[in-house]
C-alpha atoms as a PDB file:
ATOM      1  CA  MET A   1     -21.577   5.499  20.417  1.00  0.00           C
ATOM      2  CA  LYS A   2     -21.617   6.354  16.742  1.00  0.00           C
ATOM      3  CA  PHE A   3     -18.994   3.685  15.980  1.00  0.00           C
ATOM      4  CA  ASP A   4     -21.358   0.923  17.095  1.00  0.00           C
ATOM      5  CA  LEU A   5     -23.964   2.213  14.652  1.00  0.00           C
ATOM      6  CA  LEU A   6     -21.433   2.320  11.823  1.00  0.00           C
ATOM      7  CA  LYS A   7     -20.128  -1.225  12.266  1.00  0.00           C
ATOM      8  CA  PRO A   8     -23.129  -3.004  10.679  1.00  0.00           C
ATOM      9  CA  GLN A   9     -23.116  -0.442   7.861  1.00  0.00           C
ATOM     10  CA  VAL A  10     -19.451  -1.196   7.156  1.00  0.00           C
ATOM     11  CA  GLN A  11     -20.243  -4.914   7.082  1.00  0.00           C
ATOM     12  CA  ALA A  12     -23.209  -4.364   4.758  1.00  0.00           C
ATOM     13  CA  ILE A  13     -21.063  -2.379   2.315  1.00  0.00           C
ATOM     14  CA  LEU A  14     -18.287  -4.957   2.306  1.00  0.00           C
ATOM     15  CA  THR A  15     -20.610  -7.922   1.764  1.00  0.00           C
ATOM     16  CA  ALA A  16     -22.692  -6.269  -0.967  1.00  0.00           C
ATOM     17  CA  GLU A  17     -22.812  -8.149  -4.240  1.00  0.00           C
ATOM     18  CA  ASN A  18     -22.193  -6.770  -7.729  1.00  0.00           C
ATOM     19  CA  GLN A  19     -19.521  -4.298  -6.615  1.00  0.00           C
ATOM     20  CA  THR A  20     -15.778  -4.432  -7.081  1.00  0.00           C
ATOM     21  CA  ARG A  21     -13.446  -4.382  -4.108  1.00  0.00           C
ATOM     22  CA  ASP A  22     -12.459  -0.789  -4.914  1.00  0.00           C
ATOM     23  CA  GLU A  23     -16.109   0.283  -5.103  1.00  0.00           C
ATOM     24  CA  LYS A  24     -16.725  -1.243  -1.679  1.00  0.00           C
ATOM     25  CA  LEU A  25     -13.648   0.458  -0.214  1.00  0.00           C
ATOM     26  CA  LEU A  26     -14.719   3.797  -1.658  1.00  0.00           C
ATOM     27  CA  HIS A  27     -18.174   3.374  -0.089  1.00  0.00           C
ATOM     28  CA  VAL A  28     -16.543   2.650   3.282  1.00  0.00           C
ATOM     29  CA  CYS A  29     -14.435   5.818   2.928  1.00  0.00           C
ATOM     30  CA  LYS A  30     -17.548   7.852   2.128  1.00  0.00           C
ATOM     31  CA  LEU A  31     -19.448   6.335   5.070  1.00  0.00           C
ATOM     32  CA  LEU A  32     -16.710   7.258   7.539  1.00  0.00           C
ATOM     33  CA  GLU A  33     -16.030  10.731   6.144  1.00  0.00           C
ATOM     34  CA  THR A  34     -19.749  11.549   6.093  1.00  0.00           C
ATOM     35  CA  ASN A  35     -20.621  10.229   9.549  1.00  0.00           C
ATOM     36  CA  ILE A  36     -17.607  11.143  11.672  1.00  0.00           C
ATOM     37  CA  SER A  37     -17.353  14.917  11.757  1.00  0.00           C
ATOM     38  CA  TYR A  38     -13.605  15.137  12.356  1.00  0.00           C
ATOM     39  CA  TYR A  39     -12.668  12.630   9.598  1.00  0.00           C
ATOM     40  CA  THR A  40     -11.705  15.055   6.820  1.00  0.00           C
ATOM     41  CA  TRP A  41      -9.815  12.704   4.471  1.00  0.00           C
ATOM     42  CA  VAL A  42     -10.284   8.917   4.482  1.00  0.00           C
ATOM     43  CA  GLY A  43      -8.369   6.550   2.252  1.00  0.00           C
ATOM     44  CA  PHE A  44      -6.576   3.268   1.804  1.00  0.00           C
ATOM     45  CA  TYR A  45      -2.967   2.681   0.817  1.00  0.00           C
ATOM     46  CA  PHE A  46      -1.733  -0.720  -0.345  1.00  0.00           C
ATOM     47  CA  ALA A  47       1.800  -2.090  -0.071  1.00  0.00           C
ATOM     48  CA  ASN A  48       4.071  -3.190  -2.852  1.00  0.00           C
ATOM     49  CA  HIS A  49       6.601  -5.162  -0.821  1.00  0.00           C
ATOM     50  CA  GLU A  50       8.976  -5.702  -3.750  1.00  0.00           C
ATOM     51  CA  ARG A  51       9.326  -1.971  -4.359  1.00  0.00           C
ATOM     52  CA  GLN A  52       8.923  -1.049  -0.661  1.00  0.00           C
ATOM     53  CA  THR A  53       6.216   1.473  -1.527  1.00  0.00           C
ATOM     54  CA  LEU A  54       2.611   2.228  -0.639  1.00  0.00           C
ATOM     55  CA  HIS A  55       0.119   3.011  -3.396  1.00  0.00           C
ATOM     56  CA  LEU A  56      -3.017   5.084  -2.987  1.00  0.00           C
ATOM     57  CA  GLY A  57      -6.255   3.180  -3.295  1.00  0.00           C
ATOM     58  CA  PRO A  58      -9.826   4.427  -2.930  1.00  0.00           C
ATOM     59  CA  TYR A  59     -10.236   7.605  -0.885  1.00  0.00           C
ATOM     60  CA  VAL A  60     -12.498  10.587  -0.250  1.00  0.00           C
ATOM     61  CA  GLY A  61     -11.369  14.091   0.536  1.00  0.00           C
ATOM     62  CA  ALA A  62      -9.131  16.640  -1.094  1.00  0.00           C
ATOM     63  CA  PRO A  63      -7.013  15.400  -4.002  1.00  0.00           C
ATOM     64  CA  THR A  64      -3.506  14.346  -3.011  1.00  0.00           C
ATOM     65  CA  ASP A  65      -0.197  14.184  -4.830  1.00  0.00           C
ATOM     66  CA  HIS A  66       0.865  11.380  -2.472  1.00  0.00           C
ATOM     67  CA  THR A  67      -0.131   8.464  -4.663  1.00  0.00           C
ATOM     68  CA  GLU A  68       3.083   6.563  -3.930  1.00  0.00           C
ATOM     69  CA  ILE A  69       4.885   6.678  -0.566  1.00  0.00           C
ATOM     70  CA  PRO A  70       8.178   4.921   0.189  1.00  0.00           C
ATOM     71  CA  PHE A  71       8.212   2.652   3.235  1.00  0.00           C
ATOM     72  CA  GLY A  72       9.513   4.652   6.206  1.00  0.00           C
ATOM     73  CA  LYS A  73       8.506   8.066   4.832  1.00  0.00           C
ATOM     74  CA  GLY A  74       5.731  10.004   6.507  1.00  0.00           C
ATOM     75  CA  ILE A  75       3.202   8.547   8.909  1.00  0.00           C
ATOM     76  CA  CYS A  76       1.904   6.001   6.381  1.00  0.00           C
ATOM     77  CA  GLY A  77       5.386   4.880   5.439  1.00  0.00           C
ATOM     78  CA  GLN A  78       6.313   4.446   9.093  1.00  0.00           C
ATOM     79  CA  VAL A  79       3.257   2.232   9.688  1.00  0.00           C
ATOM     80  CA  ALA A  80       4.287   0.092   6.704  1.00  0.00           C
ATOM     81  CA  VAL A  81       7.521  -0.633   8.601  1.00  0.00           C
ATOM     82  CA  SER A  82       6.321  -0.716  12.239  1.00  0.00           C
ATOM     83  CA  ASN A  83       3.088  -2.686  11.636  1.00  0.00           C
ATOM     84  CA  GLU A  84       1.521  -0.648  14.451  1.00  0.00           C
ATOM     85  CA  ASN A  85      -1.177   1.996  14.692  1.00  0.00           C
ATOM     86  CA  PHE A  86       0.136   5.544  14.579  1.00  0.00           C
ATOM     87  CA  VAL A  87      -1.916   8.387  16.053  1.00  0.00           C
ATOM     88  CA  VAL A  88      -0.579  11.889  15.469  1.00  0.00           C
ATOM     89  CA  PRO A  89      -2.407  14.437  17.652  1.00  0.00           C
ATOM     90  CA  ASP A  90      -0.574  17.380  16.024  1.00  0.00           C
ATOM     91  CA  VAL A  91       1.094  16.874  12.643  1.00  0.00           C
ATOM     92  CA  ALA A  92       3.111  20.080  13.132  1.00  0.00           C
ATOM     93  CA  ALA A  93       5.031  18.305  15.913  1.00  0.00           C
ATOM     94  CA  GLN A  94       6.100  15.393  13.650  1.00  0.00           C
ATOM     95  CA  ASP A  95       9.493  15.491  11.953  1.00  0.00           C
ATOM     96  CA  ASN A  96       8.686  12.763   9.417  1.00  0.00           C
ATOM     97  CA  TYR A  97       5.294  14.089   8.327  1.00  0.00           C
ATOM     98  CA  ILE A  98       4.322  14.461   4.661  1.00  0.00           C
ATOM     99  CA  ALA A  99       1.979  17.444   4.433  1.00  0.00           C
ATOM    100  CA  CYS A 100      -1.040  16.802   2.246  1.00  0.00           C
ATOM    101  CA  SER A 101      -2.799  20.051   3.037  1.00  0.00           C
ATOM    102  CA  PHE A 102      -2.113  23.013   5.287  1.00  0.00           C
ATOM    103  CA  THR A 103      -5.548  22.454   6.860  1.00  0.00           C
ATOM    104  CA  VAL A 104      -4.638  18.991   8.230  1.00  0.00           C
ATOM    105  CA  LYS A 105      -3.970  19.123  11.961  1.00  0.00           C
ATOM    106  CA  SER A 106      -3.892  15.428  12.946  1.00  0.00           C
ATOM    107  CA  GLU A 107      -3.728  11.954  11.451  1.00  0.00           C
ATOM    108  CA  ILE A 108      -4.381   8.327  12.337  1.00  0.00           C
ATOM    109  CA  VAL A 109      -3.081   5.342  10.382  1.00  0.00           C
ATOM    110  CA  VAL A 110      -4.048   1.737  11.136  1.00  0.00           C
ATOM    111  CA  PRO A 111      -2.376  -1.174   9.330  1.00  0.00           C
ATOM    112  CA  LEU A 112      -4.388  -3.706   7.340  1.00  0.00           C
ATOM    113  CA  PHE A 113      -3.335  -7.317   7.865  1.00  0.00           C
ATOM    114  CA  VAL A 114      -4.224 -10.326   5.726  1.00  0.00           C
ATOM    115  CA  ASN A 115      -2.951 -13.666   7.030  1.00  0.00           C
ATOM    116  CA  GLY A 116      -0.536 -11.844   9.322  1.00  0.00           C
ATOM    117  CA  GLU A 117       0.977  -9.708   6.534  1.00  0.00           C
ATOM    118  CA  ASN A 118       0.657  -5.924   6.483  1.00  0.00           C
ATOM    119  CA  ILE A 119      -0.819  -5.361   3.006  1.00  0.00           C
ATOM    120  CA  GLY A 120      -1.800  -1.738   3.506  1.00  0.00           C
ATOM    121  CA  GLN A 121      -3.568   0.666   5.801  1.00  0.00           C
ATOM    122  CA  ILE A 122      -6.424   2.998   6.361  1.00  0.00           C
ATOM    123  CA  ASP A 123      -5.299   6.609   6.645  1.00  0.00           C
ATOM    124  CA  ILE A 124      -7.416   9.388   8.110  1.00  0.00           C
ATOM    125  CA  ASP A 125      -6.607  13.088   8.266  1.00  0.00           C
ATOM    126  CA  SER A 126      -8.455  15.576  10.402  1.00  0.00           C
ATOM    127  CA  ASN A 127      -8.626  19.357  10.311  1.00  0.00           C
ATOM    128  CA  VAL A 128      -9.152  19.186  14.092  1.00  0.00           C
ATOM    129  CA  LEU A 129      -6.266  19.120  16.549  1.00  0.00           C
ATOM    130  CA  ASP A 130      -6.047  15.897  18.621  1.00  0.00           C
ATOM    131  CA  PRO A 131      -9.510  14.382  17.943  1.00  0.00           C
ATOM    132  CA  PHE A 132      -8.548  10.687  17.781  1.00  0.00           C
ATOM    133  CA  THR A 133      -9.170   8.423  20.766  1.00  0.00           C
ATOM    134  CA  GLU A 134      -8.648   4.776  21.565  1.00  0.00           C
ATOM    135  CA  GLU A 135     -12.230   4.268  20.344  1.00  0.00           C
ATOM    136  CA  ASP A 136     -11.166   5.492  16.888  1.00  0.00           C
ATOM    137  CA  GLU A 137      -8.292   3.005  16.917  1.00  0.00           C
ATOM    138  CA  ARG A 138     -10.523   0.076  17.910  1.00  0.00           C
ATOM    139  CA  PHE A 139     -13.142   1.049  15.322  1.00  0.00           C
ATOM    140  CA  LEU A 140     -10.592   1.354  12.520  1.00  0.00           C
ATOM    141  CA  GLU A 141      -9.081  -1.985  13.519  1.00  0.00           C
ATOM    142  CA  PHE A 142     -12.584  -3.440  13.141  1.00  0.00           C
ATOM    143  CA  VAL A 143     -12.954  -1.795   9.718  1.00  0.00           C
ATOM    144  CA  ASN A 144      -9.649  -3.284   8.590  1.00  0.00           C
ATOM    145  CA  GLN A 145     -10.568  -6.748   9.918  1.00  0.00           C
ATOM    146  CA  GLU A 146     -13.704  -6.593   7.789  1.00  0.00           C
ATOM    147  CA  VAL A 147     -11.820  -5.223   4.757  1.00  0.00           C
ATOM    148  CA  ALA A 148      -9.260  -8.049   5.089  1.00  0.00           C
ATOM    149  CA  LYS A 149     -12.039 -10.523   4.247  1.00  0.00           C
ATOM    150  CA  LEU A 150     -12.059  -9.088   0.695  1.00  0.00           C
ATOM    151  CA  PHE A 151      -8.522 -10.340   0.048  1.00  0.00           C
END
Protein backbone atom coordinates (compact mmCIF):
# COMPACT_ATOMS: atom_id res chain seq x y z
CA MET A 1 0.00 0.00 0.00
CA LYS A 2 1.18 3.49 -0.82
CA PHE A 3 0.76 4.60 2.81
CA ASP A 4 3.43 2.15 3.95
CA LEU A 5 5.85 3.66 1.45
CA LEU A 6 5.05 7.18 2.62
CA LYS A 7 5.56 6.53 6.33
CA PRO A 8 9.39 6.49 6.26
CA GLN A 9 9.35 9.57 4.02
CA VAL A 10 7.20 11.42 6.56
CA GLN A 11 9.62 10.42 9.32
CA ALA A 12 12.62 11.54 7.26
CA ILE A 13 11.05 14.96 6.64
CA LEU A 14 10.16 15.47 10.28
CA THR A 15 13.59 14.48 11.59
CA ALA A 16 15.56 16.52 9.04
CA GLU A 17 17.94 19.06 10.52
CA ASN A 18 18.28 22.73 9.60
CA GLN A 19 14.57 23.22 8.91
CA THR A 20 11.96 25.01 10.96
CA ARG A 21 8.88 23.19 12.19
CA ASP A 22 6.74 25.02 9.62
CA GLU A 23 9.11 24.06 6.80
CA LYS A 24 8.87 20.42 7.85
CA LEU A 25 5.07 20.58 8.03
CA LEU A 26 4.90 22.18 4.60
CA HIS A 27 7.10 19.39 3.19
CA VAL A 28 4.76 16.80 4.72
CA CYS A 29 1.77 18.55 3.11
CA LYS A 30 3.53 18.54 -0.26
CA LEU A 31 4.47 14.86 0.10
CA LEU A 32 0.88 13.83 0.79
CA GLU A 33 -0.72 16.06 -1.85
CA THR A 34 1.77 14.89 -4.49
CA ASN A 35 1.61 11.17 -3.75
CA ILE A 36 -2.05 10.55 -2.92
CA SER A 37 -4.09 11.35 -6.00
CA TYR A 38 -7.33 12.24 -4.23
CA TYR A 39 -5.68 14.57 -1.65
CA THR A 40 -6.40 17.94 -3.27
CA TRP A 41 -5.73 20.29 -0.33
CA VAL A 42 -3.56 19.32 2.66
CA GLY A 43 -2.96 21.56 5.63
CA PHE A 44 -2.57 21.96 9.36
CA TYR A 45 -4.64 24.07 11.72
CA PHE A 46 -3.47 24.88 15.24
CA ALA A 47 -5.65 25.66 18.26
CA ASN A 48 -5.69 28.80 20.33
CA HIS A 49 -7.55 27.49 23.37
CA GLU A 50 -7.87 30.91 25.01
CA ARG A 51 -9.67 32.36 22.00
CA GLN A 52 -11.37 29.05 21.07
CA THR A 53 -10.13 29.35 17.49
CA LEU A 54 -8.10 27.37 14.99
CA HIS A 55 -5.39 29.10 12.97
CA LEU A 56 -4.15 27.99 9.57
CA GLY A 57 -0.61 26.68 9.50
CA PRO A 58 1.38 25.28 6.58
CA TYR A 59 -0.70 23.93 3.70
CA VAL A 60 -0.65 23.13 -0.01
CA GLY A 61 -3.53 23.56 -2.40
CA ALA A 62 -5.78 26.39 -3.44
CA PRO A 63 -5.59 29.55 -1.33
CA THR A 64 -8.20 29.74 1.41
CA ASP A 65 -9.89 32.58 3.24
CA HIS A 66 -10.36 30.26 6.23
CA THR A 67 -7.27 31.28 8.16
CA GLU A 68 -9.14 31.41 11.47
CA ILE A 69 -12.01 29.06 12.38
CA PRO A 70 -14.02 29.24 15.61
CA PHE A 71 -14.25 26.02 17.62
CA GLY A 72 -17.47 24.23 16.65
CA LYS A 73 -17.74 25.80 13.18
CA GLY A 74 -17.25 23.66 10.12
CA ILE A 75 -15.63 20.24 10.09
CA CYS A 76 -12.34 21.52 11.54
CA GLY A 77 -14.08 23.44 14.29
CA GLN A 78 -16.13 20.38 15.21
CA VAL A 79 -12.97 18.26 15.52
CA ALA A 80 -11.47 20.90 17.83
CA VAL A 81 -14.42 20.23 20.17
CA SER A 82 -15.00 16.48 19.68
CA ASN A 83 -11.31 15.42 19.67
CA GLU A 84 -12.28 12.71 17.17
CA ASN A 85 -11.57 12.03 13.51
CA PHE A 86 -14.24 13.35 11.16
CA VAL A 87 -14.65 11.84 7.70
CA VAL A 88 -17.10 13.59 5.39
CA PRO A 89 -17.84 11.46 2.31
CA ASP A 90 -19.97 14.22 0.72
CA VAL A 91 -19.58 17.79 1.96
CA ALA A 92 -22.87 18.76 0.28
CA ALA A 93 -24.68 16.59 2.85
CA GLN A 94 -23.14 18.43 5.85
CA ASP A 95 -25.08 21.25 7.50
CA ASN A 96 -22.08 22.68 9.36
CA TYR A 97 -19.64 22.69 6.44
CA ILE A 98 -17.52 25.72 5.54
CA ALA A 99 -17.05 25.67 1.77
CA CYS A 100 -13.50 26.40 0.71
CA SER A 101 -14.04 25.70 -2.97
CA PHE A 102 -16.94 24.53 -5.09
CA THR A 103 -14.70 21.72 -6.38
CA VAL A 104 -14.32 20.10 -2.92
CA LYS A 105 -16.48 17.00 -2.61
CA SER A 106 -15.18 15.37 0.60
CA GLU A 107 -13.01 16.07 3.62
CA ILE A 108 -11.15 14.28 6.39
CA VAL A 109 -9.89 15.92 9.58
CA VAL A 110 -7.74 14.13 12.17
CA PRO A 111 -6.86 15.79 15.48
CA LEU A 112 -3.26 16.32 16.56
CA PHE A 113 -2.56 15.49 20.20
CA VAL A 114 0.47 16.48 22.26
CA ASN A 115 0.54 15.08 25.80
CA GLY A 116 -3.16 14.28 25.55
CA GLU A 117 -4.16 17.81 24.46
CA ASN A 118 -5.71 18.51 21.06
CA ILE A 119 -3.37 21.23 19.75
CA GLY A 120 -4.56 21.16 16.15
CA GLN A 121 -5.33 18.92 13.23
CA ILE A 122 -4.49 17.83 9.76
CA ASP A 123 -7.20 18.74 7.27
CA ILE A 124 -7.53 17.20 3.82
CA ASP A 125 -9.99 18.12 1.09
CA SER A 126 -10.67 16.01 -1.95
CA ASN A 127 -12.31 16.81 -5.27
CA VAL A 128 -13.43 13.16 -5.33
CA LEU A 129 -16.65 11.99 -3.72
CA ASP A 130 -16.16 9.53 -0.81
CA PRO A 131 -12.48 8.55 -1.34
CA PHE A 132 -11.38 8.29 2.31
CA THR A 133 -11.08 4.89 3.98
CA GLU A 134 -10.08 3.61 7.38
CA GLU A 135 -6.56 3.28 5.92
CA ASP A 136 -6.50 7.06 5.36
CA GLU A 137 -7.53 7.58 8.98
CA ARG A 138 -4.84 5.25 10.34
CA PHE A 139 -2.19 6.83 8.09
CA LEU A 140 -3.11 10.37 9.11
CA GLU A 141 -3.09 9.34 12.76
CA PHE A 142 0.46 8.08 12.17
CA VAL A 143 1.40 11.38 10.51
CA ASN A 144 0.05 13.33 13.48
CA GLN A 145 1.86 11.07 15.98
CA GLU A 146 5.10 11.86 14.17
CA VAL A 147 4.28 15.59 13.93
CA ALA A 148 3.52 15.66 17.68
CA LYS A 149 7.20 14.88 18.33
CA LEU A 150 8.03 18.38 17.02
CA PHE A 151 6.19 20.02 19.92
